[in-house]
Amino acid sequence: LSETAALERVGYRALVAGNGLEAIEVFRRIGNEVDLVILDAVMPNMDGYELFTTVRERWPELPILMMTAFHYDKDHIIKRSRLEGLERVISKKPADSARLCAALVDATRARRKS
């Protein structure tokens, strides 16, 4: 079960971008409708760190969850992102539905409290 299918199965609407640049375009068009960003550490055109810092700069209140299929962060994407304030990482992709949903609930709950 893909992450998108898992999200939709529990009632979330998932907007998918093929890379970081496409994601920025989605945010520019409908950024105020986005409740949470799930991004991959490794993507074409813009890595997870670059996307994380871009989103954080333009939409600082938006919760971000970074995912990776790799156990070794050779380009220090996750480490650099954490140093810039990234709080949530799922390090085994694809993530099981329960773990993904728990991370989403945690992230969106934290946003509602602030």
Protein backbone atom coordinates (compact mmCIF):
# COMPACT_ATOMS: atom_id res chain seq x y z
CA LEU A 1 0.00 0.00 0.00
CA SER A 2 1.53 3.32 -1.05
CA GLU A 3 1.71 6.27 1.33
CA THR A 4 -0.82 8.13 -0.86
CA ALA A 5 -3.29 5.25 -0.74
CA ALA A 6 -2.80 4.87 3.02
CA LEU A 7 -3.56 8.56 3.55
CA GLU A 8 -6.62 8.52 1.35
CA ARG A 9 -7.92 5.37 3.02
CA VAL A 10 -8.11 7.18 6.36
CA GLY A 11 -9.68 10.31 4.93
CA TYR A 12 -6.79 12.59 4.01
CA ARG A 13 -6.58 14.22 0.59
CA ALA A 14 -3.07 13.75 -0.76
CA LEU A 15 -1.56 16.07 -3.34
CA VAL A 16 1.40 14.46 -5.07
CA ALA A 17 4.33 16.24 -6.72
CA GLY A 18 6.98 14.41 -8.73
CA ASN A 19 9.84 16.49 -7.34
CA GLY A 20 10.62 19.45 -5.11
CA LEU A 21 10.07 22.07 -7.81
CA GLU A 22 6.61 20.69 -8.56
CA ALA A 23 5.86 20.75 -4.84
CA ILE A 24 6.75 24.45 -4.64
CA GLU A 25 4.32 25.12 -7.50
CA VAL A 26 1.57 23.26 -5.65
CA PHE A 27 2.25 25.38 -2.54
CA ARG A 28 2.17 28.59 -4.57
CA ARG A 29 -1.24 27.67 -6.00
CA ILE A 30 -2.96 26.29 -2.90
CA GLY A 31 -0.57 26.70 0.03
CA ASN A 32 -3.30 27.91 2.35
CA GLU A 33 -5.19 24.61 1.86
CA VAL A 34 -2.23 22.42 2.85
CA ASP A 35 -2.22 21.13 6.43
CA LEU A 36 0.98 19.08 6.35
CA VAL A 37 3.92 18.42 4.04
CA ILE A 38 5.34 14.93 3.61
CA LEU A 39 8.52 15.00 1.62
CA ASP A 40 11.22 12.59 0.59
CA ALA A 41 14.82 13.18 1.55
CA VAL A 42 16.03 12.26 -1.94
CA MET A 43 14.20 13.74 -4.94
CA PRO A 44 15.09 14.97 -8.40
CA ASN A 45 15.70 18.71 -8.98
CA MET A 46 15.65 19.65 -5.30
CA ASP A 47 16.58 17.43 -2.36
CA GLY A 48 14.61 17.18 0.85
CA TYR A 49 16.77 19.71 2.67
CA GLU A 50 16.27 22.31 -0.05
CA LEU A 51 12.53 21.74 -0.12
CA PHE A 52 12.32 21.73 3.68
CA THR A 53 14.14 25.07 3.99
CA THR A 54 12.11 26.63 1.16
CA VAL A 55 8.79 25.56 2.68
CA ARG A 56 9.88 26.55 6.20
CA GLU A 57 10.90 30.02 4.98
CA ARG A 58 7.66 30.72 3.09
CA TRP A 59 5.17 28.81 5.26
CA PRO A 60 6.81 28.60 8.71
CA GLU A 61 3.70 27.28 10.50
CA LEU A 62 3.28 24.29 8.19
CA PRO A 63 4.24 20.93 9.78
CA ILE A 64 6.73 18.90 7.74
CA LEU A 65 7.39 15.18 7.84
CA MET A 66 10.45 13.88 6.00
CA MET A 67 10.64 10.30 4.80
CA THR A 68 13.50 8.24 3.47
CA ALA A 69 14.02 4.71 2.26
CA PHE A 70 17.72 4.90 3.03
CA HIS A 71 19.30 3.97 6.34
CA TYR A 72 22.43 6.01 5.62
CA ASP A 73 22.10 9.79 5.17
CA LYS A 74 25.18 10.17 2.96
CA ASP A 75 24.45 13.77 1.96
CA HIS A 76 23.38 14.68 5.52
CA ILE A 77 19.98 15.81 4.23
CA ILE A 78 18.16 14.70 7.37
CA LYS A 79 20.87 15.94 9.71
CA ARG A 80 20.98 19.38 8.08
CA SER A 81 17.18 19.57 8.10
CA ARG A 82 17.04 18.65 11.80
CA LEU A 83 19.56 21.40 12.53
CA GLU A 84 17.16 23.81 10.79
CA GLY A 85 14.19 22.64 12.88
CA LEU A 86 12.81 19.48 11.26
CA GLU A 87 11.07 17.50 14.01
CA ARG A 88 9.56 14.48 12.27
CA VAL A 89 11.31 11.78 10.22
CA ILE A 90 10.11 8.37 9.11
CA SER A 91 13.18 6.41 8.16
CA LYS A 92 11.66 3.30 6.68
CA LYS A 93 9.79 3.76 3.45
CA PRO A 94 7.21 2.71 2.57
CA ALA A 95 5.85 3.43 6.02
CA ASP A 96 3.19 1.19 7.47
CA SER A 97 -0.21 2.87 7.64
CA ALA A 98 -0.43 2.96 11.43
CA ARG A 99 2.96 4.64 11.85
CA LEU A 100 2.27 7.14 9.08
CA CYS A 101 -1.15 8.05 10.49
CA ALA A 102 0.27 8.42 14.00
CA ALA A 103 2.91 10.83 12.68
CA LEU A 104 0.24 12.84 10.84
CA VAL A 105 -2.00 13.07 13.89
CA ASP A 106 0.96 14.16 16.01
CA ALA A 107 2.04 16.82 13.49
CA THR A 108 -1.41 18.26 12.92
CA ARG A 109 -2.21 18.23 16.67
CA ALA A 110 0.98 20.20 17.35
CA ARG A 111 -0.05 22.74 14.70
CA ARG A 112 -3.53 23.22 16.18
CA LYS A 113 -2.02 23.90 19.63
CA SER A 114 0.23 26.70 18.35
